[in-house]
Amino acid sequence: MTEVHIILTRKEVLISRKPYASWREIQDEYDDYMASLGPWDTATATSWLDEEYSGLSPSAQDQIGAFLCSEQAVRTLSFVE
């Protein structure tokens, strides 16, 4: 089962499949780090994103699905413009 981290920065919301040991490791990677959640299974991550970010476009499910089918380690989520 693939697990993802949700990473909140000052500028964007990211999803990552990188295996982090702790939130401090994520904080060290992103200068504008604010918070992170996970690792979560994709259903939990999708549900949380749907509840917290109604402006995602495409939907959280579609963006996570496309991310998991890609080779990317990290992806920036997109919102309605």
N, C-alpha and C. Protein backbone atom coordinates (compact mmCIF):
# COMPACT_ATOMS: atom_id res chain seq x y z
N MET A 1 0.85 -1.18 0.00
CA MET A 1 0.00 0.00 0.00
C MET A 1 0.89 1.24 0.00
N THR A 2 0.58 2.17 -0.87
CA THR A 2 1.33 3.41 -0.95
C THR A 2 0.80 4.39 0.07
N GLU A 3 1.72 5.03 0.78
CA GLU A 3 1.35 6.07 1.73
C GLU A 3 1.94 7.39 1.26
N VAL A 4 1.25 8.47 1.57
CA VAL A 4 1.70 9.79 1.16
C VAL A 4 1.74 10.73 2.36
N HIS A 5 2.61 11.71 2.25
CA HIS A 5 2.65 12.82 3.20
C HIS A 5 1.99 14.00 2.52
N ILE A 6 1.26 14.79 3.28
CA ILE A 6 0.75 16.07 2.82
C ILE A 6 1.64 17.11 3.47
N ILE A 7 2.22 17.97 2.65
CA ILE A 7 3.16 18.97 3.14
C ILE A 7 2.60 20.35 2.84
N LEU A 8 2.46 21.14 3.89
CA LEU A 8 1.94 22.50 3.76
C LEU A 8 3.10 23.47 3.87
N THR A 9 3.26 24.30 2.85
CA THR A 9 4.27 25.35 2.89
C THR A 9 3.55 26.69 2.80
N ARG A 10 4.30 27.76 2.89
CA ARG A 10 3.68 29.08 2.80
C ARG A 10 3.08 29.34 1.42
N LYS A 11 3.60 28.66 0.39
CA LYS A 11 3.20 28.94 -0.99
C LYS A 11 2.33 27.87 -1.62
N GLU A 12 2.42 26.63 -1.13
CA GLU A 12 1.73 25.53 -1.83
C GLU A 12 1.45 24.36 -0.90
N VAL A 13 0.61 23.47 -1.42
CA VAL A 13 0.31 22.21 -0.74
C VAL A 13 0.89 21.11 -1.63
N LEU A 14 1.68 20.24 -1.02
CA LEU A 14 2.36 19.18 -1.76
C LEU A 14 1.92 17.81 -1.25
N ILE A 15 2.03 16.82 -2.12
CA ILE A 15 1.93 15.43 -1.67
C ILE A 15 3.26 14.77 -2.04
N SER A 16 3.69 13.89 -1.16
CA SER A 16 4.99 13.26 -1.35
C SER A 16 4.91 11.78 -0.99
N ARG A 17 5.63 10.97 -1.75
CA ARG A 17 5.73 9.55 -1.43
C ARG A 17 7.11 9.22 -0.83
N LYS A 18 7.90 10.26 -0.57
CA LYS A 18 9.22 10.03 0.02
C LYS A 18 9.06 9.45 1.43
N PRO A 19 9.94 8.54 1.80
CA PRO A 19 9.86 7.95 3.15
C PRO A 19 10.62 8.81 4.17
N TYR A 20 9.93 9.68 4.84
CA TYR A 20 10.55 10.55 5.84
C TYR A 20 10.53 9.87 7.21
N ALA A 21 11.60 10.07 7.97
CA ALA A 21 11.68 9.52 9.32
C ALA A 21 10.87 10.35 10.31
N SER A 22 10.76 11.66 10.06
CA SER A 22 10.01 12.54 10.95
C SER A 22 9.67 13.83 10.23
N TRP A 23 8.82 14.63 10.87
CA TRP A 23 8.45 15.92 10.30
C TRP A 23 9.66 16.85 10.22
N ARG A 24 10.62 16.66 11.10
CA ARG A 24 11.82 17.50 11.07
C ARG A 24 12.61 17.31 9.77
N GLU A 25 12.61 16.11 9.27
CA GLU A 25 13.28 15.83 8.00
C GLU A 25 12.59 16.58 6.86
N ILE A 26 11.27 16.63 6.90
CA ILE A 26 10.51 17.37 5.89
C ILE A 26 10.79 18.87 6.05
N GLN A 27 10.80 19.35 7.29
CA GLN A 27 11.06 20.76 7.55
C GLN A 27 12.43 21.17 7.01
N ASP A 28 13.41 20.30 7.15
CA ASP A 28 14.75 20.60 6.65
C ASP A 28 14.78 20.70 5.12
N GLU A 29 13.86 20.01 4.45
CA GLU A 29 13.83 19.99 2.99
C GLU A 29 13.15 21.22 2.38
N TYR A 30 12.22 21.83 3.12
CA TYR A 30 11.43 22.95 2.59
C TYR A 30 11.64 24.19 3.45
N ASP A 31 12.22 25.23 2.86
CA ASP A 31 12.51 26.46 3.59
C ASP A 31 11.25 27.12 4.13
N ASP A 32 10.14 27.02 3.39
CA ASP A 32 8.90 27.68 3.80
C ASP A 32 7.90 26.70 4.42
N TYR A 33 8.42 25.63 5.02
CA TYR A 33 7.61 24.59 5.67
C TYR A 33 6.72 25.20 6.76
N MET A 34 5.48 24.73 6.81
CA MET A 34 4.56 25.14 7.87
C MET A 34 4.10 23.93 8.69
N ALA A 35 3.73 22.83 8.00
CA ALA A 35 3.24 21.64 8.69
C ALA A 35 3.24 20.47 7.72
N SER A 36 3.13 19.28 8.28
CA SER A 36 2.99 18.09 7.44
C SER A 36 2.11 17.07 8.14
N LEU A 37 1.49 16.24 7.35
CA LEU A 37 0.60 15.19 7.85
C LEU A 37 0.98 13.88 7.20
N GLY A 38 0.86 12.81 7.93
CA GLY A 38 1.15 11.50 7.38
C GLY A 38 2.39 10.89 7.96
N PRO A 39 2.77 9.77 7.40
CA PRO A 39 2.25 9.20 6.15
C PRO A 39 0.84 8.62 6.34
N TRP A 40 0.03 8.87 5.35
CA TRP A 40 -1.34 8.39 5.33
C TRP A 40 -1.58 7.53 4.11
N ASP A 41 -2.52 6.59 4.24
CA ASP A 41 -2.95 5.85 3.06
C ASP A 41 -3.70 6.84 2.17
N THR A 42 -3.83 6.49 0.92
CA THR A 42 -4.40 7.43 -0.04
C THR A 42 -5.86 7.80 0.26
N ALA A 43 -6.63 6.87 0.81
CA ALA A 43 -8.02 7.17 1.14
C ALA A 43 -8.10 8.23 2.24
N THR A 44 -7.26 8.12 3.25
CA THR A 44 -7.25 9.10 4.34
C THR A 44 -6.77 10.45 3.83
N ALA A 45 -5.72 10.46 3.02
CA ALA A 45 -5.20 11.71 2.46
C ALA A 45 -6.25 12.39 1.59
N THR A 46 -6.92 11.61 0.76
CA THR A 46 -7.97 12.16 -0.11
C THR A 46 -9.10 12.75 0.71
N SER A 47 -9.54 12.03 1.72
CA SER A 47 -10.62 12.50 2.56
C SER A 47 -10.26 13.80 3.27
N TRP A 48 -9.06 13.88 3.82
CA TRP A 48 -8.62 15.09 4.51
C TRP A 48 -8.55 16.26 3.54
N LEU A 49 -7.97 16.05 2.38
CA LEU A 49 -7.87 17.12 1.39
C LEU A 49 -9.25 17.60 0.95
N ASP A 50 -10.19 16.68 0.76
CA ASP A 50 -11.55 17.05 0.38
C ASP A 50 -12.21 17.93 1.45
N GLU A 51 -11.96 17.61 2.72
CA GLU A 51 -12.55 18.37 3.83
C GLU A 51 -11.90 19.74 3.99
N GLU A 52 -10.61 19.82 3.80
CA GLU A 52 -9.87 21.05 4.08
C GLU A 52 -9.73 21.99 2.88
N TYR A 53 -9.77 21.44 1.68
CA TYR A 53 -9.50 22.24 0.48
C TYR A 53 -10.55 21.98 -0.59
N SER A 54 -11.64 22.71 -0.51
CA SER A 54 -12.72 22.52 -1.48
C SER A 54 -12.35 23.06 -2.87
N GLY A 55 -11.29 23.85 -2.97
CA GLY A 55 -10.93 24.47 -4.24
C GLY A 55 -9.95 23.67 -5.08
N LEU A 56 -9.69 22.41 -4.72
CA LEU A 56 -8.79 21.60 -5.53
C LEU A 56 -9.40 21.33 -6.90
N SER A 57 -8.60 21.47 -7.93
CA SER A 57 -9.08 21.19 -9.27
C SER A 57 -7.92 20.70 -10.13
N PRO A 58 -7.97 19.47 -10.60
CA PRO A 58 -9.00 18.45 -10.41
C PRO A 58 -9.14 18.04 -8.94
N SER A 59 -10.05 17.14 -8.66
CA SER A 59 -10.35 16.70 -7.31
C SER A 59 -9.12 16.08 -6.65
N ALA A 60 -9.15 15.99 -5.33
CA ALA A 60 -8.06 15.36 -4.58
C ALA A 60 -7.85 13.92 -5.07
N GLN A 61 -8.93 13.20 -5.27
CA GLN A 61 -8.83 11.81 -5.72
C GLN A 61 -8.12 11.74 -7.08
N ASP A 62 -8.49 12.61 -7.99
CA ASP A 62 -7.86 12.61 -9.32
C ASP A 62 -6.38 12.99 -9.25
N GLN A 63 -6.07 14.00 -8.43
CA GLN A 63 -4.68 14.43 -8.33
C GLN A 63 -3.80 13.38 -7.66
N ILE A 64 -4.30 12.76 -6.62
CA ILE A 64 -3.53 11.70 -5.96
C ILE A 64 -3.39 10.50 -6.88
N GLY A 65 -4.46 10.14 -7.58
CA GLY A 65 -4.41 9.03 -8.53
C GLY A 65 -3.37 9.25 -9.62
N ALA A 66 -3.36 10.44 -10.20
CA ALA A 66 -2.38 10.77 -11.24
C ALA A 66 -0.97 10.75 -10.68
N PHE A 67 -0.80 11.24 -9.46
CA PHE A 67 0.50 11.24 -8.80
C PHE A 67 1.01 9.82 -8.61
N LEU A 68 0.15 8.93 -8.16
CA LEU A 68 0.56 7.55 -7.90
C LEU A 68 0.90 6.80 -9.19
N CYS A 69 0.32 7.22 -10.30
CA CYS A 69 0.62 6.60 -11.59
C CYS A 69 1.88 7.19 -12.24
N SER A 70 2.40 8.24 -11.66
CA SER A 70 3.57 8.91 -12.21
C SER A 70 4.85 8.42 -11.54
N GLU A 71 5.96 8.91 -12.03
CA GLU A 71 7.26 8.61 -11.44
C GLU A 71 7.66 9.67 -10.42
N GLN A 72 6.85 10.70 -10.26
CA GLN A 72 7.18 11.81 -9.37
C GLN A 72 7.28 11.35 -7.92
N ALA A 73 8.21 11.96 -7.19
CA ALA A 73 8.32 11.71 -5.74
C ALA A 73 7.50 12.73 -4.97
N VAL A 74 7.33 13.93 -5.57
CA VAL A 74 6.59 15.02 -4.93
C VAL A 74 5.77 15.72 -6.01
N ARG A 75 4.58 16.14 -5.63
CA ARG A 75 3.72 16.86 -6.58
C ARG A 75 3.03 18.02 -5.87
N THR A 76 2.97 19.15 -6.54
CA THR A 76 2.23 20.31 -6.05
C THR A 76 0.78 20.16 -6.45
N LEU A 77 -0.13 20.30 -5.47
CA LEU A 77 -1.55 20.21 -5.77
C LEU A 77 -2.01 21.48 -6.46
N SER A 78 -2.98 21.34 -7.36
CA SER A 78 -3.50 22.50 -8.08
C SER A 78 -4.90 22.83 -7.60
N PHE A 79 -5.20 24.13 -7.66
CA PHE A 79 -6.47 24.66 -7.19
C PHE A 79 -7.17 25.41 -8.31
N VAL A 80 -8.47 25.64 -8.14
CA VAL A 80 -9.25 26.43 -9.09
C VAL A 80 -8.62 27.81 -9.15
N GLU A 81 -8.43 28.30 -10.34
CA GLU A 81 -7.79 29.62 -10.51
C GLU A 81 -8.80 30.73 -10.44
